[in-house]
Protein backbone atom coordinates (compact mmCIF):
# COMPACT_ATOMS: atom_id res chain seq x y z
CA UNK A 1 0.00 0.00 0.00
CA UNK A 2 2.77 2.46 0.92
CA UNK A 3 5.70 0.66 -0.70
CA UNK A 4 8.14 -1.84 0.73
CA UNK A 5 8.23 -1.97 4.53
CA UNK A 6 11.72 -1.66 5.98
CA UNK A 7 12.35 -3.39 9.29
CA UNK A 8 15.66 -2.04 10.59
CA UNK A 9 15.31 0.00 13.78
CA UNK A 10 18.37 -0.76 15.91
CA UNK A 11 21.47 -2.89 15.74
CA UNK A 12 24.82 -2.97 17.57
CA UNK A 13 28.46 -2.40 16.70
CA UNK A 14 30.41 -5.65 16.30
CA UNK A 15 33.80 -3.91 16.30
CA UNK A 16 35.02 -0.78 18.08
CA UNK A 17 34.87 2.44 16.06
CA UNK A 18 37.41 5.14 16.87
CA UNK A 19 37.54 8.85 16.17
CA UNK A 20 38.53 9.39 12.56
CA UNK A 21 36.96 6.15 11.26
CA UNK A 22 34.78 6.43 8.17
CA UNK A 23 33.47 2.87 8.43
CA UNK A 24 31.69 0.96 11.17
CA UNK A 25 30.87 -2.75 11.42
CA UNK A 26 27.42 -3.70 12.66
CA UNK A 27 25.43 -6.84 13.45
CA UNK A 28 23.85 -7.43 10.05
CA UNK A 29 20.79 -9.40 11.20
CA UNK A 30 17.56 -7.71 10.04
CA UNK A 31 19.40 -4.70 8.63
CA UNK A 32 18.36 -3.10 5.35
CA UNK A 33 20.44 0.07 5.12
CA UNK A 34 20.86 1.86 1.85
CA UNK A 35 22.86 4.81 0.58
CA UNK A 36 21.54 8.09 1.96
CA UNK A 37 19.97 6.62 5.10
CA UNK A 38 20.58 8.62 8.28
CA UNK A 39 21.86 6.69 11.31
CA UNK A 40 22.72 7.57 14.90
CA UNK A 41 25.50 6.05 16.99
CA UNK A 42 24.77 6.11 20.69
CA UNK A 43 27.53 7.22 23.08
CA UNK A 44 29.38 4.39 24.83
CA UNK A 45 31.50 6.43 27.23
CA UNK A 46 30.60 8.17 30.46
CA UNK A 47 30.15 11.39 28.50
CA UNK A 48 26.48 11.58 27.49
CA UNK A 49 26.95 13.94 24.53
CA UNK A 50 29.29 11.78 22.44
CA UNK A 51 26.52 10.38 20.27
CA UNK A 52 26.75 11.07 16.55
CA UNK A 53 24.60 11.09 13.44
CA UNK A 54 25.89 10.26 9.98
CA UNK A 55 24.61 9.47 6.51
CA UNK A 56 25.27 6.06 4.97
CA UNK A 57 27.53 6.34 1.91
CA UNK A 58 27.31 2.57 1.33
CA UNK A 59 26.43 -0.66 3.12
CA UNK A 60 27.81 -4.16 2.48
CA UNK A 61 25.13 -6.59 3.70
CA UNK A 62 27.52 -9.56 3.48
CA UNK A 63 30.06 -8.08 5.92
CA UNK A 64 28.00 -5.57 7.93
CA UNK A 65 30.40 -2.75 7.01
CA UNK A 66 28.79 0.68 6.77
CA UNK A 67 30.72 3.44 5.03
CA UNK A 68 29.86 6.84 6.47
CA UNK A 69 29.67 10.23 4.77
CA UNK A 70 32.16 11.73 7.24
CA UNK A 71 34.60 10.60 9.90
CA UNK A 72 33.52 9.90 13.47
CA UNK A 73 34.43 12.37 16.21
CA UNK A 74 34.20 9.95 19.15
CA UNK A 75 35.01 6.39 20.22
CA UNK A 76 32.13 3.87 20.16
CA UNK A 77 32.54 0.45 21.79
CA UNK A 78 31.70 -2.66 19.80
CA UNK A 79 32.24 -6.41 20.16
CA UNK A 80 31.39 -9.48 18.09
CA UNK A 81 29.34 -11.07 20.90
CA UNK A 82 26.97 -9.59 23.46
CA UNK A 83 28.59 -8.44 26.70
CA UNK A 84 25.48 -9.24 28.76
CA UNK A 85 27.12 -12.15 30.60
CA UNK A 86 29.99 -9.86 31.67
CA UNK A 87 27.91 -6.91 32.90
CA UNK A 88 24.96 -8.34 34.84
CA UNK A 89 22.79 -8.74 31.74
CA UNK A 90 23.66 -5.43 30.07
CA UNK A 91 24.92 -5.51 26.50
CA UNK A 92 27.47 -2.67 26.45
CA UNK A 93 28.00 -2.63 22.67
CA UNK A 94 27.08 0.67 21.04
CA UNK A 95 23.66 0.94 19.45
CA UNK A 96 23.23 2.04 15.86
CA UNK A 97 19.77 3.45 15.18
CA UNK A 98 17.95 4.15 11.97
CA UNK A 99 16.68 7.71 11.60
CA UNK A 100 15.41 7.21 8.03
CA UNK A 101 12.06 5.58 8.61
CA UNK A 102 8.75 7.13 7.84
CA UNK A 103 5.91 6.58 10.26
CA UNK A 104 2.39 7.37 9.22
CA UNK A 105 -0.23 7.55 11.97
CA UNK A 106 -3.83 7.32 10.81
CA UNK A 107 -6.61 8.05 13.26
CA UNK A 108 -10.36 8.07 13.02
CA UNK A 109 -12.45 11.18 12.82
CA UNK A 110 -14.03 12.12 16.12
CA UNK A 111 -16.85 14.67 16.29
CA UNK A 112 -16.77 14.96 20.07
CA UNK A 113 -13.67 15.25 22.27
CA UNK A 114 -15.47 13.89 25.31
CA UNK A 115 -14.51 14.55 28.88
């Protein structure tokens, strides 16, 4: 009805990404990135404002490597496997979030607001 549904919302870094990197490696399960998509990398340090947003220049679905439109400014922790068993159930790997999804909310017409 509205075109192909895209399922990617959040994934994690599978390798550390350091300041100056122009590529990141992500867990490729259920990821459908394409050139031009906007992504956010959550901060993984004690400094809350070290999150970043970038555009995807390219994505290799076979390797999980995302090429970014510009270099990273901060370090973002990543690991091949979840760290949950090391940190009391918390997976410390950095999240990578999709910011390029359209959401359409359709409501019903209501003549009376009610109280």
